[in-house]
Amino acid sequence: MDKRIRLKNEIEAKLIKYGIQDREIKYLPYLDFNPREFQQPKDVAKRAIILGTISNVAKSFFRRRQAKNWLKKEQLWEVCTETEQSFLNAIFPSQQQQIMFSWAIEAAMVLSWTINKIDQLPQIIEEFSESNYLAFLDSMPKIGDSTSPYINSATYRDYEAIFKENIVNELATTYFRDLLFSGAPDTTNINRGVSFERHKALNWVRQFSGIKEWDHTDTST
């Protein structure tokens, strides 16, 4: 079977399972991708550490200060975006910022999955359960630990698996954006926040639209 046709069938079947019945992939070149355009695995590991750490300390000034000092020690502070640095520097960040950075756990998890640090991803119908959260934290360097072993051992899992997860969540984003205009009912069992975080993170991994910087990641569809 042609690779494009196989990918089309697998992606559409997964969307149907989630309750999206009308996302037929008609333009098959849409399913072409180049693994050489992906971020370097070590850069993915660094971003996973940053996002996972920030999400874990989002609601505590003392822990944010600890995280900031540790990221500087591990030479990861300069890898943080200006938005992330500003948040870690803030004494009284807004509740909206705290919520936004708490959600970074979803992006951190899918990034760690791409580089084989966790074995499986929960379905996008789920929010981050306590068991998933604890398993993810166990896989990550703790504040105070050396990050070098985690970063230097990062290798991608099967590129096609990463690509399929990206496209499923990209098409879910398209579906939900269409609902805003059509007013049609949501027929899915998808957690929109979880799916969008995965869409963004995996677009960054693939450097979608040629964009390397995290804060400028393109999520257009």
C-alpha atoms as a PDB file:
ATOM      1  CA  MET A   1       0.000   0.000   0.000  1.00  0.00           C
ATOM      2  CA  ASP A   2       1.199   3.500  -0.821  1.00  0.00           C
ATOM      3  CA  LYS A   3       2.651   5.205   2.283  1.00  0.00           C
ATOM      4  CA  ARG A   4       0.403   8.238   1.869  1.00  0.00           C
ATOM      5  CA  ILE A   5      -2.733   6.112   1.642  1.00  0.00           C
ATOM      6  CA  ARG A   6      -1.722   4.134   4.720  1.00  0.00           C
ATOM      7  CA  LEU A   7      -1.079   7.313   6.712  1.00  0.00           C
ATOM      8  CA  LYS A   8      -4.377   8.797   5.512  1.00  0.00           C
ATOM      9  CA  ASN A   9      -6.306   5.703   6.637  1.00  0.00           C
ATOM     10  CA  GLU A  10      -4.572   5.514  10.023  1.00  0.00           C
ATOM     11  CA  ILE A  11      -5.033   9.219  10.810  1.00  0.00           C
ATOM     12  CA  GLU A  12      -8.676   9.299   9.704  1.00  0.00           C
ATOM     13  CA  ALA A  13      -9.428   6.157  11.735  1.00  0.00           C
ATOM     14  CA  LYS A  14      -7.994   7.785  14.857  1.00  0.00           C
ATOM     15  CA  LEU A  15     -10.027  10.943  14.283  1.00  0.00           C
ATOM     16  CA  ILE A  16     -13.203   8.890  13.901  1.00  0.00           C
ATOM     17  CA  LYS A  17     -12.435   7.149  17.187  1.00  0.00           C
ATOM     18  CA  TYR A  18     -12.296  10.579  18.828  1.00  0.00           C
ATOM     19  CA  GLY A  19     -15.627  11.553  17.253  1.00  0.00           C
ATOM     20  CA  ILE A  20     -14.457  13.607  14.247  1.00  0.00           C
ATOM     21  CA  GLN A  21     -16.284  12.081  11.297  1.00  0.00           C
ATOM     22  CA  ASP A  22     -15.739  14.653   8.532  1.00  0.00           C
ATOM     23  CA  ARG A  23     -11.957  15.201   8.270  1.00  0.00           C
ATOM     24  CA  GLU A  24     -11.147  13.389   5.036  1.00  0.00           C
ATOM     25  CA  ILE A  25      -7.588  14.002   3.865  1.00  0.00           C
ATOM     26  CA  LYS A  26      -7.967  14.617   0.140  1.00  0.00           C
ATOM     27  CA  TYR A  27      -4.624  16.268  -0.655  1.00  0.00           C
ATOM     28  CA  LEU A  28      -2.155  13.435  -0.166  1.00  0.00           C
ATOM     29  CA  PRO A  29       1.057  15.535  -0.388  1.00  0.00           C
ATOM     30  CA  TYR A  30      -0.129  16.976   2.945  1.00  0.00           C
ATOM     31  CA  LEU A  31       1.135  13.727   4.418  1.00  0.00           C
ATOM     32  CA  ASP A  32       4.722  14.196   3.225  1.00  0.00           C
ATOM     33  CA  PHE A  33       7.299  15.209   5.806  1.00  0.00           C
ATOM     34  CA  ASN A  34      11.082  15.454   6.068  1.00  0.00           C
ATOM     35  CA  PRO A  35      12.694  14.189   9.296  1.00  0.00           C
ATOM     36  CA  ARG A  36      15.775  16.292   8.519  1.00  0.00           C
ATOM     37  CA  GLU A  37      13.671  19.385   9.261  1.00  0.00           C
ATOM     38  CA  PHE A  38      12.948  18.266  12.842  1.00  0.00           C
ATOM     39  CA  GLN A  39      14.575  20.007  15.793  1.00  0.00           C
ATOM     40  CA  GLN A  40      17.667  18.327  17.171  1.00  0.00           C
ATOM     41  CA  PRO A  41      16.763  15.758  19.873  1.00  0.00           C
ATOM     42  CA  LYS A  42      18.951  17.519  22.450  1.00  0.00           C
ATOM     43  CA  ASP A  43      17.032  20.756  21.842  1.00  0.00           C
ATOM     44  CA  VAL A  44      13.762  18.887  22.365  1.00  0.00           C
ATOM     45  CA  ALA A  45      15.121  17.499  25.639  1.00  0.00           C
ATOM     46  CA  LYS A  46      16.070  20.985  26.828  1.00  0.00           C
ATOM     47  CA  ARG A  47      12.634  22.360  25.979  1.00  0.00           C
ATOM     48  CA  ALA A  48      10.929  19.428  27.724  1.00  0.00           C
ATOM     49  CA  ILE A  49      12.960  20.108  30.880  1.00  0.00           C
ATOM     50  CA  ILE A  50      12.139  23.814  30.798  1.00  0.00           C
ATOM     51  CA  LEU A  51       8.411  23.325  30.228  1.00  0.00           C
ATOM     52  CA  GLY A  52       8.120  20.485  32.719  1.00  0.00           C
ATOM     53  CA  THR A  53       9.974  22.439  35.369  1.00  0.00           C
ATOM     54  CA  ILE A  54       8.029  25.659  34.869  1.00  0.00           C
ATOM     55  CA  SER A  55       4.684  23.843  34.979  1.00  0.00           C
ATOM     56  CA  ASN A  56       5.727  22.155  38.217  1.00  0.00           C
ATOM     57  CA  VAL A  57       6.702  25.401  39.967  1.00  0.00           C
ATOM     58  CA  ALA A  58       4.090  27.706  38.427  1.00  0.00           C
ATOM     59  CA  LYS A  59       2.210  28.433  41.654  1.00  0.00           C
ATOM     60  CA  SER A  60       5.096  28.905  44.087  1.00  0.00           C
ATOM     61  CA  PHE A  61       7.405  31.931  44.168  1.00  0.00           C
ATOM     62  CA  PHE A  62       9.996  30.058  46.234  1.00  0.00           C
ATOM     63  CA  ARG A  63      10.049  27.129  43.812  1.00  0.00           C
ATOM     64  CA  ARG A  64      10.152  29.450  40.804  1.00  0.00           C
ATOM     65  CA  ARG A  65      13.266  31.045  42.282  1.00  0.00           C
ATOM     66  CA  GLN A  66      14.790  27.596  42.833  1.00  0.00           C
ATOM     67  CA  ALA A  67      13.999  26.642  39.250  1.00  0.00           C
ATOM     68  CA  LYS A  68      15.507  29.843  37.883  1.00  0.00           C
ATOM     69  CA  ASN A  69      18.781  29.303  39.750  1.00  0.00           C
ATOM     70  CA  TRP A  70      18.933  25.678  38.686  1.00  0.00           C
ATOM     71  CA  LEU A  71      18.257  26.443  35.018  1.00  0.00           C
ATOM     72  CA  LYS A  72      21.051  29.019  35.134  1.00  0.00           C
ATOM     73  CA  LYS A  73      23.421  26.489  36.702  1.00  0.00           C
ATOM     74  CA  GLU A  74      22.523  23.952  33.996  1.00  0.00           C
ATOM     75  CA  GLN A  75      23.013  26.566  31.248  1.00  0.00           C
ATOM     76  CA  LEU A  76      19.351  26.329  30.267  1.00  0.00           C
ATOM     77  CA  TRP A  77      18.334  29.841  31.282  1.00  0.00           C
ATOM     78  CA  GLU A  78      19.426  31.215  27.929  1.00  0.00           C
ATOM     79  CA  VAL A  79      17.278  28.563  26.237  1.00  0.00           C
ATOM     80  CA  CYS A  80      14.186  29.861  28.032  1.00  0.00           C
ATOM     81  CA  THR A  81      12.055  32.292  26.086  1.00  0.00           C
ATOM     82  CA  GLU A  82      11.664  35.888  27.248  1.00  0.00           C
ATOM     83  CA  THR A  83       8.125  35.047  28.351  1.00  0.00           C
ATOM     84  CA  GLU A  84       9.386  32.141  30.465  1.00  0.00           C
ATOM     85  CA  GLN A  85      12.181  34.200  31.997  1.00  0.00           C
ATOM     86  CA  SER A  86       9.748  36.985  32.837  1.00  0.00           C
ATOM     87  CA  PHE A  87       7.411  34.508  34.528  1.00  0.00           C
ATOM     88  CA  LEU A  88      10.186  32.949  36.614  1.00  0.00           C
ATOM     89  CA  ASN A  89      11.386  36.409  37.602  1.00  0.00           C
ATOM     90  CA  ALA A  90       7.923  37.616  38.634  1.00  0.00           C
ATOM     91  CA  ILE A  91       7.107  37.923  42.329  1.00  0.00           C
ATOM     92  CA  PHE A  92       3.365  38.165  41.719  1.00  0.00           C
ATOM     93  CA  PRO A  93       2.525  36.728  38.288  1.00  0.00           C
ATOM     94  CA  SER A  94      -1.090  36.898  37.234  1.00  0.00           C
ATOM     95  CA  GLN A  95      -3.424  33.976  37.780  1.00  0.00           C
ATOM     96  CA  GLN A  96      -3.777  33.740  34.007  1.00  0.00           C
ATOM     97  CA  GLN A  97      -0.004  33.307  33.663  1.00  0.00           C
ATOM     98  CA  GLN A  98       0.035  30.647  36.353  1.00  0.00           C
ATOM     99  CA  ILE A  99      -2.724  28.722  34.611  1.00  0.00           C
ATOM    100  CA  MET A 100      -1.042  29.075  31.217  1.00  0.00           C
ATOM    101  CA  PHE A 101       2.280  27.761  32.488  1.00  0.00           C
ATOM    102  CA  SER A 102       0.601  24.970  34.446  1.00  0.00           C
ATOM    103  CA  TRP A 103      -0.725  23.731  31.090  1.00  0.00           C
ATOM    104  CA  ALA A 104       2.887  23.480  29.841  1.00  0.00           C
ATOM    105  CA  ILE A 105       2.962  20.025  31.414  1.00  0.00           C
ATOM    106  CA  GLU A 106       1.024  18.722  28.391  1.00  0.00           C
ATOM    107  CA  ALA A 107       3.587  20.080  25.918  1.00  0.00           C
ATOM    108  CA  ALA A 108       6.448  18.812  28.072  1.00  0.00           C
ATOM    109  CA  MET A 109       4.961  15.348  28.144  1.00  0.00           C
ATOM    110  CA  VAL A 110       4.502  15.026  24.402  1.00  0.00           C
ATOM    111  CA  LEU A 111       8.031  16.359  23.821  1.00  0.00           C
ATOM    112  CA  SER A 112       9.463  13.806  26.222  1.00  0.00           C
ATOM    113  CA  TRP A 113       7.497  11.111  24.375  1.00  0.00           C
ATOM    114  CA  THR A 114       9.066  12.101  21.045  1.00  0.00           C
ATOM    115  CA  ILE A 115      12.550  11.491  22.471  1.00  0.00           C
ATOM    116  CA  ASN A 116      11.701   8.187  24.176  1.00  0.00           C
ATOM    117  CA  LYS A 117      11.673   9.464  27.763  1.00  0.00           C
ATOM    118  CA  ILE A 118       8.167   8.094  28.324  1.00  0.00           C
ATOM    119  CA  ASP A 119       6.727   5.112  26.495  1.00  0.00           C
ATOM    120  CA  GLN A 120       3.093   6.045  25.912  1.00  0.00           C
ATOM    121  CA  LEU A 121       0.880   9.086  25.583  1.00  0.00           C
ATOM    122  CA  PRO A 122      -2.568   9.197  27.175  1.00  0.00           C
ATOM    123  CA  GLN A 123      -5.428   9.694  24.763  1.00  0.00           C
ATOM    124  CA  ILE A 124      -6.385  13.310  24.183  1.00  0.00           C
ATOM    125  CA  ILE A 125      -9.725  12.710  25.886  1.00  0.00           C
ATOM    126  CA  GLU A 126      -7.917  12.887  29.220  1.00  0.00           C
ATOM    127  CA  GLU A 127      -6.594  15.730  31.259  1.00  0.00           C
ATOM    128  CA  PHE A 128      -3.302  15.088  32.988  1.00  0.00           C
ATOM    129  CA  SER A 129      -4.151  12.437  35.576  1.00  0.00           C
ATOM    130  CA  GLU A 130      -2.170  12.123  38.800  1.00  0.00           C
ATOM    131  CA  SER A 131      -0.647   8.806  37.673  1.00  0.00           C
ATOM    132  CA  ASN A 132       0.437  10.320  34.351  1.00  0.00           C
ATOM    133  CA  TYR A 133       1.815  13.347  36.163  1.00  0.00           C
ATOM    134  CA  LEU A 134       3.850  11.267  38.603  1.00  0.00           C
ATOM    135  CA  ALA A 135       5.198   9.001  35.860  1.00  0.00           C
ATOM    136  CA  PHE A 136       6.238  12.016  33.831  1.00  0.00           C
ATOM    137  CA  LEU A 137       7.968  13.652  36.810  1.00  0.00           C
ATOM    138  CA  ASP A 138       9.868  10.432  37.488  1.00  0.00           C
ATOM    139  CA  SER A 139      11.263  10.563  33.966  1.00  0.00           C
ATOM    140  CA  MET A 140      12.537  14.138  34.290  1.00  0.00           C
ATOM    141  CA  PRO A 141      15.635  15.575  36.003  1.00  0.00           C
ATOM    142  CA  LYS A 142      14.765  17.002  39.404  1.00  0.00           C
ATOM    143  CA  ILE A 143      15.709  20.535  40.421  1.00  0.00           C
ATOM    144  CA  GLY A 144      19.299  20.279  41.598  1.00  0.00           C
ATOM    145  CA  ASP A 145      20.154  17.241  39.439  1.00  0.00           C
ATOM    146  CA  SER A 146      22.440  17.304  36.436  1.00  0.00           C
ATOM    147  CA  THR A 147      20.457  17.565  33.208  1.00  0.00           C
ATOM    148  CA  SER A 148      23.283  16.244  31.016  1.00  0.00           C
ATOM    149  CA  PRO A 149      22.324  12.533  31.121  1.00  0.00           C
ATOM    150  CA  TYR A 150      18.742  13.336  30.107  1.00  0.00           C
ATOM    151  CA  ILE A 151      19.792  15.692  27.314  1.00  0.00           C
ATOM    152  CA  ASN A 152      22.663  13.651  25.926  1.00  0.00           C
ATOM    153  CA  SER A 153      20.657  10.414  25.751  1.00  0.00           C
ATOM    154  CA  ALA A 154      17.762  11.972  23.802  1.00  0.00           C
ATOM    155  CA  THR A 155      16.930  10.181  20.551  1.00  0.00           C
ATOM    156  CA  TYR A 156      13.778  10.353  18.459  1.00  0.00           C
ATOM    157  CA  ARG A 157      11.294   7.544  18.368  1.00  0.00           C
ATOM    158  CA  ASP A 158       9.850   6.586  14.981  1.00  0.00           C
ATOM    159  CA  TYR A 159       9.436   9.801  12.994  1.00  0.00           C
ATOM    160  CA  GLU A 160       6.211   8.601  11.452  1.00  0.00           C
ATOM    161  CA  ALA A 161       4.620   8.078  14.874  1.00  0.00           C
ATOM    162  CA  ILE A 162       5.512  11.669  15.785  1.00  0.00           C
ATOM    163  CA  PHE A 163       4.133  12.963  12.503  1.00  0.00           C
ATOM    164  CA  LYS A 164       0.834  11.084  12.851  1.00  0.00           C
ATOM    165  CA  GLU A 165       0.302  12.424  16.375  1.00  0.00           C
ATOM    166  CA  ASN A 166       1.010  15.919  15.061  1.00  0.00           C
ATOM    167  CA  ILE A 167      -1.495  15.649  12.206  1.00  0.00           C
ATOM    168  CA  VAL A 168      -4.242  14.167  14.388  1.00  0.00           C
ATOM    169  CA  ASN A 169      -3.991  17.140  16.722  1.00  0.00           C
ATOM    170  CA  GLU A 170      -3.641  19.627  13.870  1.00  0.00           C
ATOM    171  CA  LEU A 171      -6.861  18.351  12.329  1.00  0.00           C
ATOM    172  CA  ALA A 172      -8.526  18.465  15.746  1.00  0.00           C
ATOM    173  CA  THR A 173      -7.523  22.140  15.972  1.00  0.00           C
ATOM    174  CA  THR A 174      -9.062  22.705  12.543  1.00  0.00           C
ATOM    175  CA  TYR A 175     -12.253  20.974  13.647  1.00  0.00           C
ATOM    176  CA  PHE A 176     -12.654  23.133  16.739  1.00  0.00           C
ATOM    177  CA  ARG A 177     -11.885  26.322  14.825  1.00  0.00           C
ATOM    178  CA  ASP A 178     -14.556  25.392  12.288  1.00  0.00           C
ATOM    179  CA  LEU A 179     -17.076  24.960  15.113  1.00  0.00           C
ATOM    180  CA  LEU A 180     -16.527  28.572  16.148  1.00  0.00           C
ATOM    181  CA  PHE A 181     -17.774  29.725  12.762  1.00  0.00           C
ATOM    182  CA  SER A 182     -20.452  27.126  12.089  1.00  0.00           C
ATOM    183  CA  GLY A 183     -21.997  26.935  15.546  1.00  0.00           C
ATOM    184  CA  ALA A 184     -22.313  23.179  15.085  1.00  0.00           C
ATOM    185  CA  PRO A 185     -22.294  20.945  18.178  1.00  0.00           C
ATOM    186  CA  ASP A 186     -19.065  19.298  19.322  1.00  0.00           C
ATOM    187  CA  THR A 187     -19.375  15.579  18.532  1.00  0.00           C
ATOM    188  CA  THR A 188     -16.000  14.622  20.005  1.00  0.00           C
ATOM    189  CA  ASN A 189     -14.692  13.351  23.315  1.00  0.00           C
ATOM    190  CA  ILE A 190     -11.492  15.408  22.907  1.00  0.00           C
ATOM    191  CA  ASN A 191     -10.013  17.652  25.571  1.00  0.00           C
ATOM    192  CA  ARG A 192      -9.350  20.774  23.498  1.00  0.00           C
ATOM    193  CA  GLY A 193      -6.633  22.129  25.746  1.00  0.00           C
ATOM    194  CA  VAL A 194      -4.643  18.903  25.747  1.00  0.00           C
ATOM    195  CA  SER A 195      -4.948  18.515  21.980  1.00  0.00           C
ATOM    196  CA  PHE A 196      -3.904  22.090  21.246  1.00  0.00           C
ATOM    197  CA  GLU A 197      -0.832  21.841  23.482  1.00  0.00           C
ATOM    198  CA  ARG A 198       0.226  18.727  21.569  1.00  0.00           C
ATOM    199  CA  HIS A 199      -0.445  20.425  18.253  1.00  0.00           C
ATOM    200  CA  LYS A 200       1.771  23.360  19.185  1.00  0.00           C
ATOM    201  CA  ALA A 201       4.566  21.252  20.671  1.00  0.00           C
ATOM    202  CA  LEU A 202       4.750  18.899  17.703  1.00  0.00           C
ATOM    203  CA  ASN A 203       4.621  21.753  15.211  1.00  0.00           C
ATOM    204  CA  TRP A 204       7.656  23.120  17.040  1.00  0.00           C
ATOM    205  CA  VAL A 205       9.386  19.724  16.837  1.00  0.00           C
ATOM    206  CA  ARG A 206       8.842  19.676  13.063  1.00  0.00           C
ATOM    207  CA  GLN A 207       9.723  23.371  12.707  1.00  0.00           C
ATOM    208  CA  PHE A 208       6.413  23.847  10.919  1.00  0.00           C
ATOM    209  CA  SER A 209       6.582  26.775   8.474  1.00  0.00           C
ATOM    210  CA  GLY A 210      10.329  26.874   9.078  1.00  0.00           C
ATOM    211  CA  ILE A 211       9.931  28.369  12.578  1.00  0.00           C
ATOM    212  CA  LYS A 212      12.479  27.305  15.201  1.00  0.00           C
ATOM    213  CA  GLU A 213      11.566  29.591  18.129  1.00  0.00           C
ATOM    214  CA  TRP A 214       9.083  28.220  20.653  1.00  0.00           C
ATOM    215  CA  ASP A 215       7.157  31.446  21.249  1.00  0.00           C
ATOM    216  CA  HIS A 216       6.626  31.931  17.521  1.00  0.00           C
ATOM    217  CA  THR A 217       5.427  28.402  16.756  1.00  0.00           C
ATOM    218  CA  ASP A 218       2.819  28.480  13.972  1.00  0.00           C
ATOM    219  CA  THR A 219      -0.450  26.693  14.769  1.00  0.00           C
ATOM    220  CA  SER A 220      -2.322  27.822  11.674  1.00  0.00           C
ATOM    221  CA  THR A 221      -4.183  25.109   9.763  1.00  0.00           C
END
